[in-house]
């Protein structure tokens, strides 16, 4: 799976899980902020999105092992998280 494919799926999850307008997501760049002054995601949105990522990509994350909010800074970091986790799968 390529980064572009992951980004498309992440945008789909943002629309489906968090009900963010597809029009707003069209303007979202890889380095556009997802939190606070950017897209406006909060910690509950991030948890919901992480659950969606697990479901969509067949991944399982241990939420107690990391500072997860750092991965939600932008689509770039979030897509890298998914790709790393997919690569680590047996």
PDB file of N, CA and C in Angstrom:
ATOM      1  N   UNK A   1       0.845  -1.175   0.000  1.00  0.00           N
ATOM      2  CA  UNK A   1       0.000   0.000   0.000  1.00  0.00           C
ATOM      3  C   UNK A   1       0.894   1.242   0.000  1.00  0.00           C
ATOM      4  N   UNK A   2       0.548   2.203  -0.817  1.00  0.00           N
ATOM      5  CA  UNK A   2       1.343   3.424  -0.919  1.00  0.00           C
ATOM      6  C   UNK A   2       0.829   4.489   0.050  1.00  0.00           C
ATOM      7  N   UNK A   3       1.651   5.507   0.260  1.00  0.00           N
ATOM      8  CA  UNK A   3       1.248   6.613   1.136  1.00  0.00           C
ATOM      9  C   UNK A   3       0.004   7.300   0.582  1.00  0.00           C
ATOM     10  N   UNK A   4      -0.053   7.474  -0.745  1.00  0.00           N
ATOM     11  CA  UNK A   4      -1.222   8.114  -1.346  1.00  0.00           C
ATOM     12  C   UNK A   4      -2.496   7.319  -1.070  1.00  0.00           C
ATOM     13  N   UNK A   5      -2.413   6.009  -1.155  1.00  0.00           N
ATOM     14  CA  UNK A   5      -3.571   5.159  -0.882  1.00  0.00           C
ATOM     15  C   UNK A   5      -3.994   5.272   0.585  1.00  0.00           C
ATOM     16  N   UNK A   6      -3.019   5.334   1.467  1.00  0.00           N
ATOM     17  CA  UNK A   6      -3.317   5.489   2.894  1.00  0.00           C
ATOM     18  C   UNK A   6      -3.992   6.833   3.138  1.00  0.00           C
ATOM     19  N   UNK A   7      -3.492   7.884   2.527  1.00  0.00           N
ATOM     20  CA  UNK A   7      -4.074   9.221   2.709  1.00  0.00           C
ATOM     21  C   UNK A   7      -5.524   9.249   2.226  1.00  0.00           C
ATOM     22  N   UNK A   8      -5.801   8.624   1.096  1.00  0.00           N
ATOM     23  CA  UNK A   8      -7.182   8.555   0.588  1.00  0.00           C
ATOM     24  C   UNK A   8      -8.078   7.861   1.611  1.00  0.00           C
ATOM     25  N   UNK A   9      -7.607   6.763   2.187  1.00  0.00           N
ATOM     26  CA  UNK A   9      -8.386   6.036   3.183  1.00  0.00           C
ATOM     27  C   UNK A   9      -8.557   6.858   4.463  1.00  0.00           C
ATOM     28  N   UNK A  10      -7.514   7.579   4.852  1.00  0.00           N
ATOM     29  CA  UNK A  10      -7.620   8.425   6.048  1.00  0.00           C
ATOM     30  C   UNK A  10      -8.651   9.531   5.844  1.00  0.00           C
ATOM     31  N   UNK A  11      -8.657  10.144   4.675  1.00  0.00           N
ATOM     32  CA  UNK A  11      -9.653  11.178   4.387  1.00  0.00           C
ATOM     33  C   UNK A  11     -11.059  10.589   4.397  1.00  0.00           C
ATOM     34  N   UNK A  12     -11.195   9.373   3.888  1.00  0.00           N
ATOM     35  CA  UNK A  12     -12.485   8.691   3.911  1.00  0.00           C
ATOM     36  C   UNK A  12     -12.940   8.469   5.358  1.00  0.00           C
ATOM     37  N   UNK A  13     -12.005   8.049   6.207  1.00  0.00           N
ATOM     38  CA  UNK A  13     -12.333   7.850   7.623  1.00  0.00           C
ATOM     39  C   UNK A  13     -12.715   9.158   8.300  1.00  0.00           C
ATOM     40  N   UNK A  14     -12.031  10.236   7.971  1.00  0.00           N
ATOM     41  CA  UNK A  14     -12.363  11.542   8.546  1.00  0.00           C
ATOM     42  C   UNK A  14     -13.788  11.945   8.176  1.00  0.00           C
ATOM     43  N   UNK A  15     -14.185  11.625   6.962  1.00  0.00           N
ATOM     44  CA  UNK A  15     -15.540  11.943   6.519  1.00  0.00           C
ATOM     45  C   UNK A  15     -16.564  11.033   7.180  1.00  0.00           C
ATOM     46  N   UNK A  16     -16.292   9.732   7.174  1.00  0.00           N
ATOM     47  CA  UNK A  16     -17.269   8.770   7.685  1.00  0.00           C
ATOM     48  C   UNK A  16     -17.355   8.765   9.211  1.00  0.00           C
ATOM     49  N   UNK A  17     -16.227   8.752   9.875  1.00  0.00           N
ATOM     50  CA  UNK A  17     -16.219   8.622  11.344  1.00  0.00           C
ATOM     51  C   UNK A  17     -16.450   9.942  12.058  1.00  0.00           C
ATOM     52  N   UNK A  18     -15.879  11.017  11.495  1.00  0.00           N
ATOM     53  CA  UNK A  18     -15.955  12.304  12.193  1.00  0.00           C
ATOM     54  C   UNK A  18     -16.870  13.306  11.497  1.00  0.00           C
ATOM     55  N   UNK A  19     -17.459  12.876  10.395  1.00  0.00           N
ATOM     56  CA  UNK A  19     -18.410  13.690   9.642  1.00  0.00           C
ATOM     57  C   UNK A  19     -17.836  15.029   9.182  1.00  0.00           C
ATOM     58  N   UNK A  20     -16.569  15.004   8.817  1.00  0.00           N
ATOM     59  CA  UNK A  20     -15.937  16.210   8.281  1.00  0.00           C
ATOM     60  C   UNK A  20     -16.274  16.289   6.797  1.00  0.00           C
ATOM     61  N   UNK A  21     -16.659  17.437   6.371  1.00  0.00           N
ATOM     62  CA  UNK A  21     -17.093  17.642   4.995  1.00  0.00           C
ATOM     63  C   UNK A  21     -15.984  17.285   3.994  1.00  0.00           C
ATOM     64  N   UNK A  22     -16.337  16.526   2.950  1.00  0.00           N
ATOM     65  CA  UNK A  22     -15.353  16.197   1.912  1.00  0.00           C
ATOM     66  C   UNK A  22     -14.742  17.457   1.286  1.00  0.00           C
ATOM     67  N   UNK A  23     -15.534  18.536   1.222  1.00  0.00           N
ATOM     68  CA  UNK A  23     -15.023  19.789   0.662  1.00  0.00           C
ATOM     69  C   UNK A  23     -13.862  20.329   1.501  1.00  0.00           C
ATOM     70  N   UNK A  24     -13.991  20.270   2.839  1.00  0.00           N
ATOM     71  CA  UNK A  24     -12.895  20.718   3.718  1.00  0.00           C
ATOM     72  C   UNK A  24     -11.660  19.853   3.532  1.00  0.00           C
ATOM     73  N   UNK A  25     -11.877  18.551   3.301  1.00  0.00           N
ATOM     74  CA  UNK A  25     -10.750  17.623   3.158  1.00  0.00           C
ATOM     75  C   UNK A  25     -10.035  17.772   1.825  1.00  0.00           C
ATOM     76  N   UNK A  26     -10.735  18.259   0.801  1.00  0.00           N
ATOM     77  CA  UNK A  26     -10.095  18.463  -0.495  1.00  0.00           C
ATOM     78  C   UNK A  26      -8.951  19.467  -0.385  1.00  0.00           C
ATOM     79  N   UNK A  27      -9.118  20.440   0.494  1.00  0.00           N
ATOM     80  CA  UNK A  27      -8.111  21.482   0.654  1.00  0.00           C
ATOM     81  C   UNK A  27      -7.011  21.083   1.631  1.00  0.00           C
ATOM     82  N   UNK A  28      -7.171  19.951   2.299  1.00  0.00           N
ATOM     83  CA  UNK A  28      -6.208  19.485   3.292  1.00  0.00           C
ATOM     84  C   UNK A  28      -4.952  18.942   2.615  1.00  0.00           C
ATOM     85  N   UNK A  29      -3.802  19.466   2.982  1.00  0.00           N
ATOM     86  CA  UNK A  29      -2.517  19.015   2.456  1.00  0.00           C
ATOM     87  C   UNK A  29      -1.896  18.023   3.439  1.00  0.00           C
ATOM     88  N   UNK A  30      -0.845  17.333   3.001  1.00  0.00           N
ATOM     89  CA  UNK A  30      -0.175  16.367   3.873  1.00  0.00           C
ATOM     90  C   UNK A  30       0.327  17.006   5.165  1.00  0.00           C
ATOM     91  N   UNK A  31       0.749  18.267   5.090  1.00  0.00           N
ATOM     92  CA  UNK A  31       1.306  18.926   6.267  1.00  0.00           C
ATOM     93  C   UNK A  31       0.319  19.867   6.960  1.00  0.00           C
ATOM     94  N   UNK A  32      -0.942  19.851   6.522  1.00  0.00           N
ATOM     95  CA  UNK A  32      -1.957  20.683   7.178  1.00  0.00           C
ATOM     96  C   UNK A  32      -2.238  20.144   8.578  1.00  0.00           C
ATOM     97  N   UNK A  33      -2.294  21.025   9.568  1.00  0.00           N
ATOM     98  CA  UNK A  33      -2.557  20.576  10.935  1.00  0.00           C
ATOM     99  C   UNK A  33      -3.942  19.950  11.059  1.00  0.00           C
ATOM    100  N   UNK A  34      -4.008  18.869  11.812  1.00  0.00           N
ATOM    101  CA  UNK A  34      -5.291  18.207  12.061  1.00  0.00           C
ATOM    102  C   UNK A  34      -5.903  18.641  13.387  1.00  0.00           C
ATOM    103  N   UNK A  35      -5.068  19.076  14.310  1.00  0.00           N
ATOM    104  CA  UNK A  35      -5.519  19.420  15.653  1.00  0.00           C
ATOM    105  C   UNK A  35      -5.807  20.911  15.781  1.00  0.00           C
ATOM    106  N   UNK A  36      -6.494  21.275  16.822  1.00  0.00           N
ATOM    107  CA  UNK A  36      -6.771  22.647  17.244  1.00  0.00           C
ATOM    108  C   UNK A  36      -7.081  23.600  16.097  1.00  0.00           C
ATOM    109  N   UNK A  37      -6.171  24.533  15.796  1.00  0.00           N
ATOM    110  CA  UNK A  37      -6.438  25.582  14.814  1.00  0.00           C
ATOM    111  C   UNK A  37      -6.471  25.074  13.378  1.00  0.00           C
ATOM    112  N   UNK A  38      -6.068  23.838  13.156  1.00  0.00           N
ATOM    113  CA  UNK A  38      -6.117  23.273  11.815  1.00  0.00           C
ATOM    114  C   UNK A  38      -7.518  22.745  11.526  1.00  0.00           C
ATOM    115  N   UNK A  39      -7.623  21.434  11.396  1.00  0.00           N
ATOM    116  CA  UNK A  39      -8.910  20.793  11.123  1.00  0.00           C
ATOM    117  C   UNK A  39      -9.802  20.816  12.362  1.00  0.00           C
ATOM    118  N   UNK A  40      -9.198  20.988  13.541  1.00  0.00           N
ATOM    119  CA  UNK A  40      -9.961  21.130  14.771  1.00  0.00           C
ATOM    120  C   UNK A  40     -10.233  19.842  15.526  1.00  0.00           C
ATOM    121  N   UNK A  41      -9.458  18.787  15.243  1.00  0.00           N
ATOM    122  CA  UNK A  41      -9.668  17.540  15.962  1.00  0.00           C
ATOM    123  C   UNK A  41      -9.284  17.694  17.431  1.00  0.00           C
ATOM    124  N   UNK A  42     -10.050  17.025  18.295  1.00  0.00           N
ATOM    125  CA  UNK A  42      -9.692  16.987  19.712  1.00  0.00           C
ATOM    126  C   UNK A  42      -9.317  15.553  20.077  1.00  0.00           C
ATOM    127  N   UNK A  43      -9.041  15.303  21.337  1.00  0.00           N
ATOM    128  CA  UNK A  43      -8.568  13.984  21.745  1.00  0.00           C
ATOM    129  C   UNK A  43      -9.605  12.893  21.503  1.00  0.00           C
ATOM    130  N   UNK A  44     -10.872  13.196  21.678  1.00  0.00           N
ATOM    131  CA  UNK A  44     -11.919  12.197  21.418  1.00  0.00           C
ATOM    132  C   UNK A  44     -12.008  11.872  19.923  1.00  0.00           C
ATOM    133  N   UNK A  45     -11.849  12.892  19.092  1.00  0.00           N
ATOM    134  CA  UNK A  45     -11.822  12.656  17.641  1.00  0.00           C
ATOM    135  C   UNK A  45     -10.660  11.735  17.279  1.00  0.00           C
ATOM    136  N   UNK A  46      -9.524  11.954  17.909  1.00  0.00           N
ATOM    137  CA  UNK A  46      -8.341  11.141  17.620  1.00  0.00           C
ATOM    138  C   UNK A  46      -8.551   9.690  18.037  1.00  0.00           C
ATOM    139  N   UNK A  47      -9.201   9.475  19.168  1.00  0.00           N
ATOM    140  CA  UNK A  47      -9.494   8.104  19.602  1.00  0.00           C
ATOM    141  C   UNK A  47     -10.429   7.440  18.600  1.00  0.00           C
ATOM    142  N   UNK A  48     -11.462   8.139  18.190  1.00  0.00           N
ATOM    143  CA  UNK A  48     -12.404   7.592  17.212  1.00  0.00           C
ATOM    144  C   UNK A  48     -11.707   7.289  15.889  1.00  0.00           C
ATOM    145  N   UNK A  49     -10.840   8.177  15.468  1.00  0.00           N
ATOM    146  CA  UNK A  49     -10.103   7.967  14.224  1.00  0.00           C
ATOM    147  C   UNK A  49      -9.136   6.798  14.354  1.00  0.00           C
ATOM    148  N   UNK A  50      -8.485   6.662  15.499  1.00  0.00           N
ATOM    149  CA  UNK A  50      -7.566   5.539  15.720  1.00  0.00           C
ATOM    150  C   UNK A  50      -8.315   4.209  15.659  1.00  0.00           C
ATOM    151  N   UNK A  51      -9.506   4.164  16.226  1.00  0.00           N
ATOM    152  CA  UNK A  51     -10.335   2.952  16.155  1.00  0.00           C
ATOM    153  C   UNK A  51     -10.695   2.672  14.688  1.00  0.00           C
ATOM    154  N   UNK A  52     -11.035   3.708  13.956  1.00  0.00           N
ATOM    155  CA  UNK A  52     -11.339   3.546  12.537  1.00  0.00           C
ATOM    156  C   UNK A  52     -10.147   3.049  11.748  1.00  0.00           C
ATOM    157  N   UNK A  53      -8.958   3.542  12.079  1.00  0.00           N
ATOM    158  CA  UNK A  53      -7.734   3.094  11.409  1.00  0.00           C
ATOM    159  C   UNK A  53      -7.497   1.613  11.694  1.00  0.00           C
ATOM    160  N   UNK A  54      -7.696   1.220  12.939  1.00  0.00           N
ATOM    161  CA  UNK A  54      -7.530  -0.194  13.290  1.00  0.00           C
ATOM    162  C   UNK A  54      -8.486  -1.063  12.477  1.00  0.00           C
ATOM    163  N   UNK A  55      -9.742  -0.637  12.382  1.00  0.00           N
ATOM    164  CA  UNK A  55     -10.742  -1.395  11.632  1.00  0.00           C
ATOM    165  C   UNK A  55     -10.430  -1.420  10.138  1.00  0.00           C
ATOM    166  N   UNK A  56     -10.129  -0.268   9.590  1.00  0.00           N
ATOM    167  CA  UNK A  56      -9.925  -0.126   8.148  1.00  0.00           C
ATOM    168  C   UNK A  56      -8.689  -0.865   7.650  1.00  0.00           C
ATOM    169  N   UNK A  57      -7.617  -0.785   8.414  1.00  0.00           N
ATOM    170  CA  UNK A  57      -6.342  -1.337   7.953  1.00  0.00           C
ATOM    171  C   UNK A  57      -5.987  -2.674   8.613  1.00  0.00           C
ATOM    172  N   UNK A  58      -6.861  -3.160   9.489  1.00  0.00           N
ATOM    173  CA  UNK A  58      -6.597  -4.429  10.153  1.00  0.00           C
ATOM    174  C   UNK A  58      -5.418  -4.367  11.108  1.00  0.00           C
ATOM    175  N   UNK A  59      -5.294  -3.255  11.798  1.00  0.00           N
ATOM    176  CA  UNK A  59      -4.176  -3.039  12.720  1.00  0.00           C
ATOM    177  C   UNK A  59      -4.678  -3.053  14.153  1.00  0.00           C
ATOM    178  N   UNK A  60      -3.757  -3.235  15.077  1.00  0.00           N
ATOM    179  CA  UNK A  60      -4.066  -3.139  16.499  1.00  0.00           C
ATOM    180  C   UNK A  60      -2.953  -2.342  17.163  1.00  0.00           C
ATOM    181  N   UNK A  61      -3.330  -1.255  17.819  1.00  0.00           N
ATOM    182  CA  UNK A  61      -2.361  -0.407  18.497  1.00  0.00           C
ATOM    183  C   UNK A  61      -2.525  -0.553  20.003  1.00  0.00           C
ATOM    184  N   UNK A  62      -1.419  -0.499  20.717  1.00  0.00           N
ATOM    185  CA  UNK A  62      -1.447  -0.490  22.174  1.00  0.00           C
ATOM    186  C   UNK A  62      -1.412   0.971  22.607  1.00  0.00           C
ATOM    187  N   UNK A  63      -2.576   1.490  22.948  1.00  0.00           N
ATOM    188  CA  UNK A  63      -2.698   2.918  23.258  1.00  0.00           C
ATOM    189  C   UNK A  63      -1.883   3.348  24.467  1.00  0.00           C
ATOM    190  N   UNK A  64      -1.487   2.400  25.316  1.00  0.00           N
ATOM    191  CA  UNK A  64      -0.731   2.760  26.519  1.00  0.00           C
ATOM    192  C   UNK A  64       0.764   2.897  26.247  1.00  0.00           C
ATOM    193  N   UNK A  65       1.217   2.524  25.078  1.00  0.00           N
ATOM    194  CA  UNK A  65       2.649   2.474  24.782  1.00  0.00           C
ATOM    195  C   UNK A  65       3.231   3.754  24.197  1.00  0.00           C
ATOM    196  N   UNK A  66       2.393   4.665  23.752  1.00  0.00           N
ATOM    197  CA  UNK A  66       2.917   5.822  23.043  1.00  0.00           C
ATOM    198  C   UNK A  66       2.125   7.073  23.356  1.00  0.00           C
ATOM    199  N   UNK A  67       2.710   8.206  23.017  1.00  0.00           N
ATOM    200  CA  UNK A  67       1.997   9.472  23.027  1.00  0.00           C
ATOM    201  C   UNK A  67       1.323   9.591  21.653  1.00  0.00           C
ATOM    202  N   UNK A  68       0.073   9.190  21.575  1.00  0.00           N
ATOM    203  CA  UNK A  68      -0.615   9.080  20.292  1.00  0.00           C
ATOM    204  C   UNK A  68      -0.897  10.411  19.630  1.00  0.00           C
ATOM    205  N   UNK A  69      -1.054  11.447  20.405  1.00  0.00           N
ATOM    206  CA  UNK A  69      -1.412  12.736  19.816  1.00  0.00           C
ATOM    207  C   UNK A  69      -0.351  13.233  18.840  1.00  0.00           C
ATOM    208  N   UNK A  70       0.900  12.875  19.040  1.00  0.00           N
ATOM    209  CA  UNK A  70       1.952  13.326  18.125  1.00  0.00           C
ATOM    210  C   UNK A  70       1.705  12.816  16.703  1.00  0.00           C
ATOM    211  N   UNK A  71       1.065  11.664  16.563  1.00  0.00           N
ATOM    212  CA  UNK A  71       0.808  11.088  15.248  1.00  0.00           C
ATOM    213  C   UNK A  71      -0.334  11.791  14.520  1.00  0.00           C
ATOM    214  N   UNK A  72      -1.117  12.545  15.248  1.00  0.00           N
ATOM    215  CA  UNK A  72      -2.272  13.218  14.669  1.00  0.00           C
ATOM    216  C   UNK A  72      -1.978  14.682  14.324  1.00  0.00           C
ATOM    217  N   UNK A  73      -0.726  15.042  14.268  1.00  0.00           N
ATOM    218  CA  UNK A  73      -0.394  16.436  13.962  1.00  0.00           C
ATOM    219  C   UNK A  73      -0.775  16.802  12.532  1.00  0.00           C
ATOM    220  N   UNK A  74      -0.633  15.862  11.586  1.00  0.00           N
ATOM    221  CA  UNK A  74      -0.990  16.108  10.185  1.00  0.00           C
ATOM    222  C   UNK A  74      -1.172  14.766   9.469  1.00  0.00           C
ATOM    223  N   UNK A  75      -1.660  14.807   8.251  1.00  0.00           N
ATOM    224  CA  UNK A  75      -1.857  13.569   7.486  1.00  0.00           C
ATOM    225  C   UNK A  75      -0.536  12.851   7.219  1.00  0.00           C
ATOM    226  N   UNK A  76       0.533  13.602   7.097  1.00  0.00           N
ATOM    227  CA  UNK A  76       1.859  13.011   6.865  1.00  0.00           C
ATOM    228  C   UNK A  76       2.235  12.066   8.003  1.00  0.00           C
ATOM    229  N   UNK A  77       2.152  12.551   9.235  1.00  0.00           N
ATOM    230  CA  UNK A  77       2.550  11.725  10.376  1.00  0.00           C
ATOM    231  C   UNK A  77       1.571  10.575  10.608  1.00  0.00           C
ATOM    232  N   UNK A  78       0.303  10.829  10.349  1.00  0.00           N
ATOM    233  CA  UNK A  78      -0.693   9.777  10.524  1.00  0.00           C
ATOM    234  C   UNK A  78      -0.525   8.670   9.482  1.00  0.00           C
ATOM    235  N   UNK A  79      -0.251   9.046   8.248  1.00  0.00           N
ATOM    236  CA  UNK A  79      -0.042   8.030   7.209  1.00  0.00           C
ATOM    237  C   UNK A  79       1.242   7.243   7.465  1.00  0.00           C
ATOM    238  N   UNK A  80       2.265   7.906   7.999  1.00  0.00           N
ATOM    239  CA  UNK A  80       3.510   7.203   8.336  1.00  0.00           C
ATOM    240  C   UNK A  80       3.272   6.183   9.450  1.00  0.00           C
ATOM    241  N   UNK A  81       2.440   6.531  10.427  1.00  0.00           N
ATOM    242  CA  UNK A  81       2.085   5.590  11.481  1.00  0.00           C
ATOM    243  C   UNK A  81       1.445   4.336  10.894  1.00  0.00           C
ATOM    244  N   UNK A  82       0.493   4.527  10.002  1.00  0.00           N
ATOM    245  CA  UNK A  82      -0.193   3.390   9.379  1.00  0.00           C
ATOM    246  C   UNK A  82       0.780   2.544   8.582  1.00  0.00           C
ATOM    247  N   UNK A  83       1.605   3.177   7.783  1.00  0.00           N
ATOM    248  CA  UNK A  83       2.554   2.424   6.949  1.00  0.00           C
ATOM    249  C   UNK A  83       3.553   1.659   7.803  1.00  0.00           C
ATOM    250  N   UNK A  84       4.062   2.263   8.871  1.00  0.00           N
ATOM    251  CA  UNK A  84       4.994   1.555   9.767  1.00  0.00           C
ATOM    252  C   UNK A  84       4.325   0.351  10.410  1.00  0.00           C
ATOM    253  N   UNK A  85       3.098   0.545  10.857  1.00  0.00           N
ATOM    254  CA  UNK A  85       2.367  -0.556  11.501  1.00  0.00           C
ATOM    255  C   UNK A  85       2.078  -1.671  10.505  1.00  0.00           C
ATOM    256  N   UNK A  86       1.741  -1.311   9.266  1.00  0.00           N
ATOM    257  CA  UNK A  86       1.496  -2.336   8.238  1.00  0.00           C
ATOM    258  C   UNK A  86       2.770  -3.096   7.925  1.00  0.00           C
ATOM    259  N   UNK A  87       3.891  -2.382   7.849  1.00  0.00           N
ATOM    260  CA  UNK A  87       5.188  -3.033   7.569  1.00  0.00           C
ATOM    261  C   UNK A  87       5.598  -3.984   8.687  1.00  0.00           C
ATOM    262  N   UNK A  88       5.204  -3.667   9.909  1.00  0.00           N
ATOM    263  CA  UNK A  88       5.585  -4.495  11.060  1.00  0.00           C
ATOM    264  C   UNK A  88       4.716  -5.740  11.217  1.00  0.00           C
ATOM    265  N   UNK A  89       3.626  -5.792  10.452  1.00  0.00           N
ATOM    266  CA  UNK A  89       2.755  -6.962  10.553  1.00  0.00           C
ATOM    267  C   UNK A  89       3.442  -8.200   9.983  1.00  0.00           C
ATOM    268  N   UNK A  90       3.217  -9.356  10.626  1.00  0.00           N
ATOM    269  CA  UNK A  90       3.818 -10.593  10.113  1.00  0.00           C
ATOM    270  C   UNK A  90       3.235 -11.022   8.778  1.00  0.00           C
TER     271      UNK A  90
END
